[in-house]
Amino acid sequence: MCVCVYTGPSTMGPLDTTVIQIKIMLIMDALTEFLCFSLFSQLGGCGILGVGIWLAVTQGNFATLSSSFPSLSAANLLIVTGTFVMIIGFVGCIGAIKENKGLLLSFFIMLLIIFLLELTIVILFFVYTDKIDKYAQQDLKKGLHLYGTDGNIGLTNAWSIIQTDFRCCGVSNYTDWFEVYNTTRVPDSCCLEFSENCGLHSPGTWWKAPCYETVKIWLQENLLAVGIFALCTALVQILGLTFAMTMYCQVVKADTYCA
């Protein structure tokens, strides 16, 4: 915290004292708000990290469906996100406590970069929706060939869970599995009534809905919840940017006054 030291005769009047007290109050208010936000960020990051570690330990076999990005699992994403959020929150917290302009500015810049990256990704997603759809379906179909193979138990479990929960089969059609098995067969998770080797039975006993479209429709039906989550995330980040810049400006003003 800024400390003004003056060794000569005191020439400050009541007005000067009041100004200093107001500046100190402004800094303390900004410090309190920013500390609360930083601590909230750290707690949130710790929670995300904890969920990620829990998923990795208890649900480690549930991985990504993508053959191109095998490490892009829910657990890994949560662990990386939680760690990054904790680091940013820690930088902001230390910067606020020490009233360090460098750390406060670093926190602001890192948060701004994340916000701009997220905004860019959202814009690109809406611009290239058709191309992303096409690529995603091709990549998922490639991943089907890894189903049931050694070292891909995570992908196998992921497909089994999706087909069972969403009552679907294959990416665009249950016939996608015919190319995988080189015969008229689907995984048992595609069956209307699950039983051992039921995937060898006639197509009349299998789910007919394509998984890609089924999941896509489910996401569209829950678009409001997704939108609210995205809006809340954006608002939290904007508040973080506002608090960080407010704290930074107050520290700069105090340093200038006490110089």
Protein backbone atom coordinates (compact mmCIF):
# COMPACT_ATOMS: atom_id res chain seq x y z
CA MET A 1 0.00 0.00 0.00
CA CYS A 2 1.20 3.51 -0.78
CA VAL A 3 2.66 5.37 2.25
CA CYS A 4 3.35 9.12 2.03
CA VAL A 5 6.29 10.26 4.17
CA TYR A 6 6.94 13.94 4.77
CA THR A 7 9.73 15.01 7.18
CA GLY A 8 9.26 18.79 6.99
CA PRO A 9 6.76 20.98 8.76
CA SER A 10 3.17 19.93 8.25
CA THR A 11 1.43 22.21 5.76
CA MET A 12 -1.64 20.05 5.10
CA GLY A 13 -4.96 21.59 5.86
CA PRO A 14 -8.26 19.89 6.62
CA LEU A 15 -9.08 19.75 2.89
CA ASP A 16 -5.83 17.89 2.07
CA THR A 17 -6.48 15.40 4.86
CA THR A 18 -10.00 14.79 3.57
CA VAL A 19 -8.70 14.20 0.03
CA ILE A 20 -6.19 11.62 1.30
CA GLN A 21 -8.87 9.87 3.34
CA ILE A 22 -11.16 9.71 0.29
CA LYS A 23 -8.36 8.27 -1.87
CA ILE A 24 -7.60 5.65 0.78
CA MET A 25 -11.30 4.73 1.01
CA LEU A 26 -11.52 4.38 -2.78
CA ILE A 27 -8.48 2.11 -2.84
CA MET A 28 -9.83 0.00 0.02
CA ASP A 29 -13.23 -0.34 -1.70
CA ALA A 30 -11.59 -1.37 -4.97
CA LEU A 31 -9.28 -3.73 -3.08
CA THR A 32 -12.22 -5.40 -1.29
CA GLU A 33 -14.21 -5.88 -4.50
CA PHE A 34 -11.23 -7.20 -6.44
CA LEU A 35 -10.13 -9.52 -3.64
CA CYS A 36 -13.62 -10.99 -3.49
CA PHE A 37 -13.58 -11.57 -7.23
CA SER A 38 -10.07 -13.09 -7.15
CA LEU A 39 -10.97 -15.41 -4.29
CA PHE A 40 -14.17 -16.38 -6.09
CA SER A 41 -12.10 -17.15 -9.21
CA GLN A 42 -9.68 -19.29 -7.22
CA LEU A 43 -12.50 -21.19 -5.52
CA GLY A 44 -14.21 -21.71 -8.88
CA GLY A 45 -10.96 -22.91 -10.45
CA CYS A 46 -10.35 -25.22 -7.51
CA GLY A 47 -13.86 -26.66 -7.91
CA ILE A 48 -13.41 -27.21 -11.65
CA LEU A 49 -10.01 -28.80 -11.06
CA GLY A 50 -11.47 -31.06 -8.38
CA VAL A 51 -14.29 -32.24 -10.66
CA GLY A 52 -11.75 -32.87 -13.44
CA ILE A 53 -9.52 -34.95 -11.16
CA TRP A 54 -12.56 -36.84 -9.86
CA LEU A 55 -13.63 -37.65 -13.43
CA ALA A 56 -10.10 -38.71 -14.34
CA VAL A 57 -9.90 -41.05 -11.33
CA THR A 58 -13.43 -42.48 -11.24
CA GLN A 59 -14.47 -42.13 -14.89
CA GLY A 60 -11.08 -42.36 -16.53
CA ASN A 61 -12.40 -44.79 -19.12
CA PHE A 62 -14.79 -42.17 -20.50
CA ALA A 63 -12.84 -40.27 -23.12
CA THR A 64 -13.40 -38.29 -26.26
CA LEU A 65 -15.27 -39.58 -29.30
CA SER A 66 -12.79 -37.91 -31.64
CA SER A 67 -10.03 -39.96 -33.25
CA SER A 68 -8.12 -36.79 -34.20
CA PHE A 69 -8.04 -35.39 -30.65
CA PRO A 70 -7.79 -38.39 -28.29
CA SER A 71 -6.73 -36.22 -25.33
CA LEU A 72 -9.74 -33.93 -25.65
CA SER A 73 -11.72 -35.59 -22.88
CA ALA A 74 -14.04 -33.96 -20.37
CA ALA A 75 -11.66 -34.71 -17.49
CA ASN A 76 -8.62 -33.23 -19.26
CA LEU A 77 -10.54 -30.12 -20.31
CA LEU A 78 -11.75 -29.54 -16.74
CA ILE A 79 -8.27 -30.08 -15.27
CA VAL A 80 -6.64 -27.64 -17.70
CA THR A 81 -9.43 -25.06 -17.30
CA GLY A 82 -9.42 -25.33 -13.49
CA THR A 83 -5.64 -24.99 -13.29
CA PHE A 84 -5.62 -21.97 -15.60
CA VAL A 85 -8.43 -20.25 -13.68
CA MET A 86 -6.65 -20.85 -10.37
CA ILE A 87 -3.40 -19.37 -11.71
CA ILE A 88 -5.17 -16.27 -13.02
CA GLY A 89 -7.07 -15.86 -9.74
CA PHE A 90 -3.83 -16.25 -7.77
CA VAL A 91 -2.10 -13.57 -9.86
CA GLY A 92 -5.01 -11.20 -9.31
CA CYS A 93 -5.20 -11.94 -5.58
CA ILE A 94 -1.47 -11.33 -4.99
CA GLY A 95 -1.60 -8.23 -7.16
CA ALA A 96 -4.47 -6.83 -5.10
CA ILE A 97 -2.91 -7.60 -1.72
CA LYS A 98 0.49 -6.18 -2.71
CA GLU A 99 -1.11 -3.42 -4.78
CA ASN A 100 1.33 -4.41 -7.50
CA LYS A 101 0.60 -2.65 -10.78
CA GLY A 102 2.44 -5.27 -12.84
CA LEU A 103 0.44 -8.19 -11.46
CA LEU A 104 -2.86 -6.32 -11.73
CA LEU A 105 -2.13 -5.42 -15.32
CA SER A 106 -1.05 -9.01 -16.05
CA PHE A 107 -4.34 -10.28 -14.61
CA PHE A 108 -6.28 -7.82 -16.78
CA ILE A 109 -4.37 -8.77 -19.95
CA MET A 110 -4.72 -12.54 -19.38
CA LEU A 111 -8.45 -12.22 -18.72
CA LEU A 112 -8.88 -9.98 -21.76
CA ILE A 113 -7.03 -12.47 -24.00
CA ILE A 114 -9.28 -15.32 -22.78
CA PHE A 115 -12.40 -13.22 -23.36
CA LEU A 116 -11.32 -12.28 -26.90
CA LEU A 117 -10.39 -15.89 -27.71
CA GLU A 118 -13.80 -17.11 -26.55
CA LEU A 119 -15.52 -14.40 -28.58
CA THR A 120 -13.46 -15.33 -31.66
CA ILE A 121 -14.29 -19.03 -31.28
CA VAL A 122 -18.02 -18.29 -30.99
CA ILE A 123 -17.96 -16.06 -34.09
CA LEU A 124 -15.99 -18.64 -36.12
CA PHE A 125 -18.36 -21.39 -34.99
CA PHE A 126 -21.42 -19.54 -36.32
CA VAL A 127 -19.64 -18.52 -39.53
CA TYR A 128 -18.37 -22.02 -40.36
CA THR A 129 -21.21 -24.10 -38.89
CA ASP A 130 -21.72 -26.18 -42.05
CA LYS A 131 -18.02 -26.96 -42.44
CA ILE A 132 -17.71 -27.84 -38.75
CA ASP A 133 -20.73 -30.15 -39.04
CA LYS A 134 -19.22 -31.94 -42.01
CA TYR A 135 -15.78 -32.30 -40.41
CA ALA A 136 -17.24 -33.47 -37.10
CA GLN A 137 -19.27 -36.22 -38.74
CA GLN A 138 -16.28 -37.43 -40.76
CA ASP A 139 -14.08 -37.45 -37.67
CA LEU A 140 -16.68 -39.31 -35.62
CA LYS A 141 -17.04 -41.94 -38.34
CA LYS A 142 -13.27 -42.47 -38.30
CA GLY A 143 -13.50 -42.89 -34.54
CA LEU A 144 -16.02 -45.72 -34.95
CA HIS A 145 -13.22 -47.92 -36.33
CA LEU A 146 -11.45 -47.65 -32.97
CA TYR A 147 -14.50 -49.00 -31.13
CA GLY A 148 -13.67 -52.10 -29.10
CA THR A 149 -9.95 -52.01 -29.99
CA ASP A 150 -7.09 -52.24 -27.48
CA GLY A 151 -6.20 -48.96 -25.83
CA ASN A 152 -9.49 -47.31 -26.78
CA ILE A 153 -11.75 -48.41 -23.94
CA GLY A 154 -12.57 -44.77 -23.26
CA LEU A 155 -13.93 -44.18 -26.75
CA THR A 156 -15.76 -47.52 -26.59
CA ASN A 157 -17.48 -46.61 -23.32
CA ALA A 158 -18.32 -43.13 -24.60
CA TRP A 159 -20.13 -44.50 -27.66
CA SER A 160 -21.93 -47.10 -25.57
CA ILE A 161 -23.20 -44.48 -23.13
CA ILE A 162 -24.32 -42.07 -25.86
CA GLN A 163 -26.15 -44.73 -27.88
CA THR A 164 -27.87 -46.07 -24.79
CA ASP A 165 -28.86 -42.70 -23.29
CA PHE A 166 -29.91 -41.01 -26.53
CA ARG A 167 -31.44 -44.16 -28.05
CA CYS A 168 -29.53 -43.77 -31.28
CA CYS A 169 -27.12 -45.79 -33.38
CA GLY A 170 -24.14 -44.71 -35.46
CA VAL A 171 -23.14 -41.21 -36.52
CA SER A 172 -25.54 -40.63 -39.45
CA ASN A 173 -27.14 -44.08 -39.56
CA TYR A 174 -26.86 -47.51 -37.94
CA THR A 175 -25.27 -48.70 -41.20
CA ASP A 176 -22.12 -46.77 -40.19
CA TRP A 177 -21.28 -49.78 -38.03
CA PHE A 178 -21.44 -52.17 -40.99
CA GLU A 179 -18.17 -50.69 -42.31
CA VAL A 180 -16.57 -51.17 -38.90
CA TYR A 181 -17.53 -54.85 -38.51
CA ASN A 182 -17.57 -55.62 -42.28
CA THR A 183 -20.89 -57.32 -41.71
CA THR A 184 -24.51 -56.54 -40.79
CA ARG A 185 -23.82 -55.88 -37.12
CA VAL A 186 -23.96 -53.06 -34.57
CA PRO A 187 -22.77 -52.75 -30.93
CA ASP A 188 -25.11 -54.14 -28.31
CA SER A 189 -25.70 -50.58 -27.06
CA CYS A 190 -27.76 -49.97 -30.24
CA CYS A 191 -30.37 -52.55 -29.27
CA LEU A 192 -33.91 -51.59 -28.25
CA GLU A 193 -33.65 -54.21 -25.50
CA PHE A 194 -30.11 -54.89 -24.40
CA SER A 195 -28.89 -58.47 -24.32
CA GLU A 196 -25.64 -60.27 -25.05
CA ASN A 197 -24.84 -60.19 -28.79
CA CYS A 198 -28.15 -58.50 -29.59
CA GLY A 199 -26.23 -56.45 -32.16
CA LEU A 200 -26.18 -59.55 -34.37
CA HIS A 201 -29.97 -59.65 -34.61
CA SER A 202 -32.13 -58.07 -37.33
CA PRO A 203 -32.19 -54.26 -37.83
CA GLY A 204 -35.74 -54.21 -36.48
CA THR A 205 -34.31 -54.66 -32.97
CA TRP A 206 -31.95 -51.64 -33.20
CA TRP A 207 -32.32 -47.92 -32.65
CA LYS A 208 -32.72 -46.13 -35.99
CA ALA A 209 -32.06 -42.50 -34.98
CA PRO A 210 -28.62 -41.07 -35.98
CA CYS A 211 -26.61 -40.07 -32.92
CA TYR A 212 -25.15 -36.90 -34.44
CA GLU A 213 -28.52 -35.38 -35.28
CA THR A 214 -30.09 -36.63 -32.05
CA VAL A 215 -27.44 -34.97 -29.88
CA LYS A 216 -27.58 -31.85 -32.04
CA ILE A 217 -31.37 -31.60 -31.56
CA TRP A 218 -30.92 -32.11 -27.81
CA LEU A 219 -28.43 -29.23 -27.70
CA GLN A 220 -30.79 -27.01 -29.68
CA GLU A 221 -33.62 -27.82 -27.28
CA ASN A 222 -31.36 -26.83 -24.39
CA LEU A 223 -30.00 -23.77 -26.19
CA LEU A 224 -31.50 -21.43 -23.60
CA ALA A 225 -29.54 -23.09 -20.78
CA VAL A 226 -26.36 -23.02 -22.87
CA GLY A 227 -26.97 -19.35 -23.71
CA ILE A 228 -27.56 -18.42 -20.05
CA PHE A 229 -24.36 -20.22 -19.03
CA ALA A 230 -22.37 -18.44 -21.77
CA LEU A 231 -23.88 -15.06 -20.81
CA CYS A 232 -23.07 -15.58 -17.11
CA THR A 233 -19.51 -16.57 -18.00
CA ALA A 234 -19.11 -13.44 -20.13
CA LEU A 235 -20.55 -11.21 -17.38
CA VAL A 236 -18.18 -12.68 -14.79
CA GLN A 237 -15.22 -12.05 -17.07
CA ILE A 238 -16.35 -8.47 -17.80
CA LEU A 239 -16.72 -7.85 -14.04
CA GLY A 240 -13.22 -9.23 -13.55
CA LEU A 241 -11.84 -6.89 -16.21
CA THR A 242 -13.68 -3.93 -14.63
CA PHE A 243 -12.50 -4.68 -11.09
CA ALA A 244 -8.91 -5.24 -12.26
CA MET A 245 -8.74 -1.98 -14.21
CA THR A 246 -10.44 -0.04 -11.39
CA MET A 247 -7.92 -1.39 -8.87
CA TYR A 248 -5.03 -0.69 -11.23
CA CYS A 249 -6.15 2.93 -11.80
CA GLN A 250 -6.59 3.54 -8.07
CA VAL A 251 -3.08 2.24 -7.36
CA VAL A 252 -1.61 4.39 -10.14
CA LYS A 253 -3.41 7.48 -8.78
CA ALA A 254 -2.21 6.76 -5.25
CA ASP A 255 1.39 6.25 -6.41
CA THR A 256 1.26 9.50 -8.40
CA TYR A 257 -0.12 11.42 -5.42
CA CYS A 258 2.45 9.99 -3.04
CA ALA A 259 5.39 10.40 -5.40
